[in-house]
Structure formats: structure tokens, C-alpha cells
Amino acid sequence: MTTLALPIGKEQSPRPAQGASFGTWAPTPVQKLILILAHHTPLGRGRGRRLAAALLRRLRDGPIDYTLGGSPFRFDIRDNSTDRQSLLHPGYNREEFEFLAEVMGKGGVFVDIGANVGFFSVKLAAQCGAGCRVIAIEPNPVVLERLRFNTEAMRDRITVVDQAAGRAEGVARFQSQAGNLGQSRFDADGEIEVQVRPLQTILQSLGVMRIDALKIDVEGFEDDVILPFFATAPKTLWPTRIVIEFTSRSEWKGDCIACLQDCGYVLSSKTRGNMLFELGDAATHRLAGSGPSR
């Protein structure tokens, strides 16, 4: 996605301390009007979204505190495309979210790998209520500060893991993309050093015994997480449903899709950026009319 340039002659506001209470950056009346229009007209999509984002920034160049779907978020549309899309387009990733939420009943467990600022983690934790458990894995220290802010109100349900999931335990270099934090990724020349642990090791350290839903979006390194996990994890730990981002599939060293299919997962749907898989036994029960099963 093209990064929006700041309007000529306007200085960029300093990044706020995330500790500032929610509401500090409440939208101005005109910003609220733009958001309403974006949510109900094409202004929230495609070129319209870029225009809406530029207008919001011209009015006040800073983050925006906004309650979306009943959950409070601090969005920063200046440097994160996920924030722009989530704030301006209510239908953003709706199919993926509903697919995962269907199996998150009372006491459900959701693992969010590449949690970014917590869009999926917070929404699922809010919808599923007390008793559910969300593991939000995010190694980028800049994004982590925002993730912790957004998850603070649900810290009893959401565990933030400030590490990266990968093939083996160790450290790796990480490059934070200043123009779009959602595209930050592993890079041998990256300026940040992050701790890496296999997904199964992370889950074991947290006492996770089962997973109902899992989302993974790690910018082309999905194979470093998925392949070793399914090679060693017991089937009792395999997620019922998985949403996997596939737009960087050409960078995989191993085929995650083939791995999932070999493990018995069935492709339920495919969106612009993600593939939605359901474990075969659960898919069979659902199609037979008995609902999702563990």
C-alpha cells in the first residue's frame, strides 16, 4: 500500500506517549464526521480511504482514540496500514474475524502470531468474554508499546509475548518499517535484535494445552513458524481453525499450505490476503450440522 505523504508545509506531531489515557486523542468533531462518512460510503475503501486518511491528518496530525466494535483502540494512521484500514473500513478482515470467532466459545483459546497493534486479539477477547484466553505474539518494540496500550483493558484475557515465533530458539535481527509498521520483518541488516522461540516452546511456557483459533501474519516467514510446529506439536495442540496470510508465499522456503493440507486441514475460504483453514474433523462435524468440535 502506498504510504501517505504529509501535506506540504505541515510538521508532523511527535509520537504520543502510549501511557496517555484513552480519550486523550479523541477525534475532533470534523474528524468524527469523516469517520462516519468513511464507515458508510466508499470513502473508507481504496482511493477514498487514502483521501480520508489525508483529511484526518490535515485536521490534526496525530493518533485517534476510537471505540470500534465496542472495543477502545488507539489508531495511528500515520505509519501503520493496519490502523488505517481498521479505522476507516469497518468490514476490514470481517470474514477472517467471523471465521475465527465461531470456534471461540466460553474458555476459548486464540493465538495471534504477528499481533501488530492487537486488532484481532482485542476484538476476539471482547466478543468471547471472560474466561477466554488470547496469546498475542509481537516482537517489534515500537508496535509492542501500542499493543500493550490497546490490550490494557483486557489484560486478564490477553497475554502479550514480546518475542518472535520461529524455527529455533535464539536471536535474530529485525527491521522496523517506519512508513508502515505492519510490514516490519526479519532482516539480517535490521537495527533491532529480537528473541526468537519456536511456537510450541512459547505455548508450553504459558501452559497452553489447546488452541481453538490461530492467526498468523509474519511477512513471508510463516513457514518458519508453521512447518516446525506441525512437525513436533501433538495433535491435541493443533488449532481448530487457522487464518494464514499468503501474499508473501513466494518467499517461503517450505509450503505452509501443503503442510496444512497434509495435516488434514480443509481450505474453507480465501480472501484477498488470507487463506482460511479448518481441521478436517471439525469441518466434517460442522458440515454434518453438529457445529465445531474439539
Protein backbone atom coordinates (compact mmCIF):
# COMPACT_ATOMS: atom_id res chain seq x y z
CA MET A 1 0.00 0.00 0.00
CA THR A 2 1.30 3.48 -0.83
CA THR A 3 2.35 5.43 2.22
CA LEU A 4 0.59 8.76 2.55
CA ALA A 5 2.86 11.79 2.36
CA LEU A 6 2.38 14.52 4.91
CA PRO A 7 0.74 17.64 3.40
CA ILE A 8 3.31 20.23 2.30
CA GLY A 9 4.23 22.74 4.95
CA LYS A 10 2.78 20.73 7.84
CA GLU A 11 5.10 19.46 10.53
CA GLN A 12 4.46 16.03 11.91
CA SER A 13 3.29 15.87 15.52
CA PRO A 14 5.56 13.99 17.91
CA ARG A 15 4.55 10.43 18.71
CA PRO A 16 2.40 10.45 21.86
CA ALA A 17 3.30 8.54 24.97
CA GLN A 18 1.09 5.47 24.84
CA GLY A 19 0.55 5.83 28.56
CA ALA A 20 -1.70 8.84 27.98
CA SER A 21 -5.22 7.75 28.86
CA PHE A 22 -7.69 6.64 26.22
CA GLY A 23 -9.63 9.67 25.02
CA THR A 24 -6.62 11.98 25.07
CA TRP A 25 -6.66 11.76 21.28
CA ALA A 26 -10.42 11.62 20.80
CA PRO A 27 -11.38 12.67 17.25
CA THR A 28 -12.39 16.27 16.69
CA PRO A 29 -15.99 16.90 15.55
CA VAL A 30 -14.90 17.16 11.91
CA GLN A 31 -12.78 14.01 12.22
CA LYS A 32 -15.83 12.21 13.63
CA LEU A 33 -17.83 13.28 10.59
CA ILE A 34 -15.15 11.94 8.25
CA LEU A 35 -15.13 8.64 10.12
CA ILE A 36 -18.91 8.32 9.88
CA LEU A 37 -18.75 9.01 6.15
CA ALA A 38 -15.90 6.51 5.72
CA HIS A 39 -17.90 3.82 7.53
CA HIS A 40 -20.99 4.27 5.34
CA THR A 41 -19.65 5.34 1.93
CA PRO A 42 -16.83 4.40 -0.48
CA LEU A 43 -14.69 6.98 1.35
CA GLY A 44 -13.50 4.11 3.54
CA ARG A 45 -12.16 1.99 0.68
CA GLY A 46 -9.43 2.14 -1.96
CA ARG A 47 -8.56 5.64 -3.08
CA GLY A 48 -11.31 7.00 -0.88
CA ARG A 49 -9.54 5.62 2.19
CA ARG A 50 -6.30 7.34 1.22
CA LEU A 51 -8.20 10.60 0.84
CA ALA A 52 -9.96 10.15 4.18
CA ALA A 53 -6.66 9.42 5.92
CA ALA A 54 -5.09 12.53 4.41
CA LEU A 55 -8.04 14.65 5.55
CA LEU A 56 -7.88 13.25 9.09
CA ARG A 57 -4.18 14.06 9.27
CA ARG A 58 -4.63 17.56 7.87
CA LEU A 59 -7.18 18.30 10.58
CA ARG A 60 -4.86 17.01 13.33
CA ASP A 61 -1.72 15.04 12.66
CA GLY A 62 -1.72 12.54 15.49
CA PRO A 63 -3.28 9.26 16.62
CA ILE A 64 -7.01 8.81 17.04
CA ASP A 65 -8.70 7.19 20.05
CA TYR A 66 -11.84 5.47 18.80
CA THR A 67 -14.15 2.73 20.03
CA LEU A 68 -14.66 0.19 17.29
CA GLY A 69 -16.99 -2.76 17.68
CA GLY A 70 -17.29 -2.00 21.37
CA SER A 71 -13.51 -2.08 21.90
CA PRO A 72 -11.36 1.01 22.56
CA PHE A 73 -8.34 1.39 20.26
CA ARG A 74 -5.67 3.97 19.73
CA PHE A 75 -5.14 4.11 15.97
CA ASP A 76 -2.12 5.77 14.40
CA ILE A 77 -2.82 6.09 10.69
CA ARG A 78 0.47 7.86 10.04
CA ASP A 79 2.67 4.79 9.97
CA ASN A 80 0.54 1.63 10.04
CA SER A 81 -1.67 0.44 7.19
CA THR A 82 -3.50 -1.94 9.54
CA ASP A 83 -4.58 1.04 11.63
CA ARG A 84 -5.75 2.92 8.53
CA GLN A 85 -7.79 0.02 7.22
CA SER A 86 -9.22 -0.95 10.61
CA LEU A 87 -10.27 2.58 11.49
CA LEU A 88 -11.69 3.62 8.12
CA HIS A 89 -13.24 0.40 6.82
CA PRO A 90 -15.48 -1.47 9.33
CA GLY A 91 -15.52 -4.53 7.07
CA TYR A 92 -11.73 -4.91 7.14
CA ASN A 93 -10.90 -8.60 7.68
CA ARG A 94 -14.52 -9.26 8.70
CA GLU A 95 -14.64 -12.69 7.08
CA GLU A 96 -11.42 -13.75 8.81
CA PHE A 97 -12.61 -12.44 12.17
CA GLU A 98 -16.00 -14.15 11.99
CA PHE A 99 -14.36 -17.40 10.88
CA LEU A 100 -12.13 -17.42 13.96
CA ALA A 101 -14.80 -16.16 16.35
CA GLU A 102 -17.15 -19.05 15.50
CA VAL A 103 -14.95 -21.52 17.41
CA MET A 104 -14.11 -19.19 20.29
CA GLY A 105 -16.74 -20.23 22.79
CA LYS A 106 -16.53 -19.88 26.56
CA GLY A 107 -12.97 -20.62 27.60
CA GLY A 108 -11.72 -20.46 24.01
CA VAL A 109 -8.03 -20.01 23.20
CA PHE A 110 -6.80 -17.74 20.38
CA VAL A 111 -3.15 -17.40 19.30
CA ASP A 112 -2.30 -14.27 17.33
CA ILE A 113 1.14 -14.55 15.68
CA GLY A 114 2.21 -11.17 14.38
CA ALA A 115 -0.38 -9.43 16.52
CA ASN A 116 0.57 -5.92 15.36
CA VAL A 117 -1.42 -3.42 17.47
CA GLY A 118 -3.97 -6.04 18.53
CA PHE A 119 -6.86 -5.67 16.09
CA PHE A 120 -7.72 -9.40 16.11
CA SER A 121 -6.65 -10.02 19.72
CA VAL A 122 -8.76 -7.27 21.26
CA LYS A 123 -11.86 -7.89 19.16
CA LEU A 124 -11.88 -11.63 19.85
CA ALA A 125 -11.21 -11.13 23.56
CA ALA A 126 -14.06 -8.63 23.76
CA GLN A 127 -16.52 -10.81 21.87
CA CYS A 128 -15.74 -14.05 23.68
CA GLY A 129 -15.89 -12.51 27.14
CA ALA A 130 -14.40 -13.54 30.45
CA GLY A 131 -12.83 -16.97 30.51
CA CYS A 132 -11.31 -16.85 27.05
CA ARG A 133 -7.56 -16.66 26.56
CA VAL A 134 -5.65 -14.75 23.90
CA ILE A 135 -1.91 -15.06 23.25
CA ALA A 136 -0.68 -12.03 21.28
CA ILE A 137 2.82 -12.59 19.89
CA GLU A 138 4.62 -9.47 18.61
CA PRO A 139 8.40 -8.77 18.64
CA ASN A 140 8.53 -5.21 17.22
CA PRO A 141 9.21 -2.89 20.20
CA VAL A 142 7.53 0.10 18.52
CA VAL A 143 4.35 -1.86 17.85
CA LEU A 144 4.55 -3.57 21.24
CA GLU A 145 4.03 -0.29 23.06
CA ARG A 146 0.80 0.26 21.12
CA LEU A 147 -0.28 -3.37 21.50
CA ARG A 148 0.08 -3.15 25.28
CA PHE A 149 -1.91 0.07 25.35
CA ASN A 150 -4.75 -1.44 23.29
CA THR A 151 -4.85 -4.63 25.36
CA GLU A 152 -4.59 -2.96 28.79
CA ALA A 153 -8.34 -3.04 29.43
CA MET A 154 -8.36 -6.81 28.81
CA ARG A 155 -5.08 -7.81 30.38
CA ASP A 156 -6.93 -10.54 32.29
CA ARG A 157 -7.70 -12.24 28.96
CA ILE A 158 -4.77 -11.22 26.74
CA THR A 159 -1.15 -12.28 27.28
CA VAL A 160 1.35 -10.22 25.26
CA VAL A 161 4.50 -12.10 24.24
CA ASP A 162 7.34 -9.76 23.27
CA GLN A 163 9.18 -12.36 21.21
CA ALA A 164 9.09 -13.74 17.69
CA ALA A 165 7.93 -17.25 16.84
CA GLY A 166 10.44 -19.05 14.62
CA ARG A 167 12.27 -22.27 13.80
CA ALA A 168 14.67 -22.41 16.72
CA GLU A 169 15.48 -20.61 19.95
CA GLY A 170 17.92 -17.76 19.59
CA VAL A 171 18.12 -14.13 18.49
CA ALA A 172 17.55 -12.53 15.12
CA ARG A 173 17.80 -9.11 13.51
CA PHE A 174 14.55 -7.31 12.85
CA GLN A 175 13.82 -4.33 10.60
CA SER A 176 11.07 -1.96 11.70
CA GLN A 177 9.47 -0.26 8.68
CA ALA A 178 8.93 3.33 9.76
CA GLY A 179 6.49 4.06 6.91
CA ASN A 180 4.33 1.00 7.58
CA LEU A 181 4.96 -0.83 10.83
CA GLY A 182 2.77 -3.70 9.67
CA GLN A 183 5.43 -4.63 7.11
CA SER A 184 8.26 -4.90 9.64
CA ARG A 185 10.13 -8.18 9.26
CA PHE A 186 13.24 -10.23 9.92
CA ASP A 187 16.26 -8.78 8.15
CA ALA A 188 19.93 -9.68 8.60
CA ASP A 189 20.73 -5.96 8.45
CA GLY A 190 17.89 -4.93 10.77
CA GLU A 191 18.58 -2.44 13.54
CA ILE A 192 16.64 -4.36 16.23
CA GLU A 193 17.61 -7.61 17.92
CA VAL A 194 14.68 -9.79 18.99
CA GLN A 195 14.40 -13.08 20.82
CA VAL A 196 13.08 -16.00 18.77
CA ARG A 197 11.45 -19.13 20.17
CA PRO A 198 9.56 -21.99 18.49
CA LEU A 199 5.80 -21.60 18.75
CA GLN A 200 5.43 -24.84 20.68
CA THR A 201 8.00 -23.66 23.23
CA ILE A 202 6.15 -20.35 23.71
CA LEU A 203 2.85 -22.14 24.22
CA GLN A 204 4.31 -24.68 26.63
CA SER A 205 5.85 -21.90 28.73
CA LEU A 206 2.38 -20.36 29.06
CA GLY A 207 0.65 -23.63 29.85
CA VAL A 208 -1.45 -23.60 26.68
CA MET A 209 -2.90 -27.08 26.18
CA ARG A 210 -5.16 -26.45 23.19
CA ILE A 211 -5.84 -23.84 20.51
CA ASP A 212 -9.27 -23.09 19.10
CA ALA A 213 -8.21 -20.39 16.64
CA LEU A 214 -4.90 -19.12 15.27
CA LYS A 215 -3.97 -16.22 13.01
CA ILE A 216 -0.51 -15.78 11.52
CA ASP A 217 0.86 -12.85 9.53
CA VAL A 218 4.64 -12.50 9.76
CA GLU A 219 5.57 -11.02 6.39
CA GLY A 220 6.87 -14.05 4.49
CA PHE A 221 8.24 -16.02 7.46
CA GLU A 222 5.08 -18.04 8.09
CA ASP A 223 6.94 -21.20 7.10
CA ASP A 224 9.49 -20.69 9.89
CA VAL A 225 6.61 -20.96 12.36
CA ILE A 226 4.14 -23.37 10.78
CA LEU A 227 6.44 -26.12 9.49
CA PRO A 228 8.37 -26.86 12.71
CA PHE A 229 5.21 -26.55 14.80
CA PHE A 230 3.31 -29.20 12.87
CA ALA A 231 6.40 -31.40 12.71
CA THR A 232 6.64 -31.67 16.50
CA ALA A 233 3.45 -30.49 18.23
CA PRO A 234 0.94 -33.10 19.41
CA LYS A 235 -2.32 -33.16 17.51
CA THR A 236 -4.13 -32.11 20.68
CA LEU A 237 -2.41 -28.72 20.26
CA TRP A 238 -3.34 -28.26 16.60
CA PRO A 239 -5.72 -25.30 16.12
CA THR A 240 -9.28 -25.99 15.00
CA ARG A 241 -9.15 -23.03 12.62
CA ILE A 242 -6.25 -21.12 11.08
CA VAL A 243 -6.08 -17.86 9.17
CA ILE A 244 -2.75 -17.55 7.35
CA GLU A 245 -1.56 -14.56 5.32
CA PHE A 246 -0.30 -15.80 1.96
CA THR A 247 0.66 -12.72 -0.07
CA SER A 248 4.37 -13.38 0.65
CA ARG A 249 4.07 -17.08 -0.20
CA SER A 250 6.81 -16.76 -2.84
CA GLU A 251 9.32 -16.11 -0.03
CA TRP A 252 8.56 -19.32 1.85
CA LYS A 253 11.28 -21.96 1.85
CA GLY A 254 8.65 -24.61 2.53
CA ASP A 255 4.99 -24.78 1.52
CA CYS A 256 2.77 -23.99 4.52
CA ILE A 257 -0.38 -24.67 2.53
CA ALA A 258 0.74 -28.17 1.56
CA CYS A 259 1.76 -28.79 5.17
CA LEU A 260 -1.67 -27.82 6.48
CA GLN A 261 -3.44 -29.93 3.88
CA ASP A 262 -1.19 -32.91 4.68
CA CYS A 263 -2.19 -32.50 8.34
CA GLY A 264 -5.86 -32.74 7.42
CA TYR A 265 -6.84 -29.09 7.18
CA VAL A 266 -9.52 -28.12 4.68
CA LEU A 267 -9.49 -24.77 2.87
CA SER A 268 -12.71 -23.08 3.91
CA SER A 269 -12.27 -19.77 2.11
CA LYS A 270 -9.74 -17.43 0.54
CA THR A 271 -9.77 -13.65 0.79
CA ARG A 272 -7.57 -11.04 -0.81
CA GLY A 273 -4.77 -11.60 1.67
CA ASN A 274 -5.55 -14.68 3.73
CA MET A 275 -6.43 -18.35 3.45
CA LEU A 276 -8.88 -19.78 6.00
CA PHE A 277 -8.37 -23.39 7.06
CA GLU A 278 -10.36 -25.72 9.29
CA LEU A 279 -9.13 -29.01 10.73
CA GLY A 280 -10.78 -31.86 8.86
CA ASP A 281 -12.60 -33.44 11.82
CA ALA A 282 -14.09 -30.09 12.82
CA ALA A 283 -15.08 -29.31 9.25
CA THR A 284 -16.82 -32.68 8.94
CA HIS A 285 -18.80 -32.13 12.16
CA ARG A 286 -19.80 -28.62 11.09
CA LEU A 287 -20.96 -29.71 7.65
CA ALA A 288 -22.91 -32.53 9.29
CA GLY A 289 -24.74 -29.94 11.35
CA SER A 290 -23.25 -30.65 14.77
CA GLY A 291 -21.18 -27.46 14.96
CA PRO A 292 -17.47 -27.03 15.61
CA SER A 293 -15.83 -29.77 17.63
CA ARG A 294 -12.61 -30.24 19.56
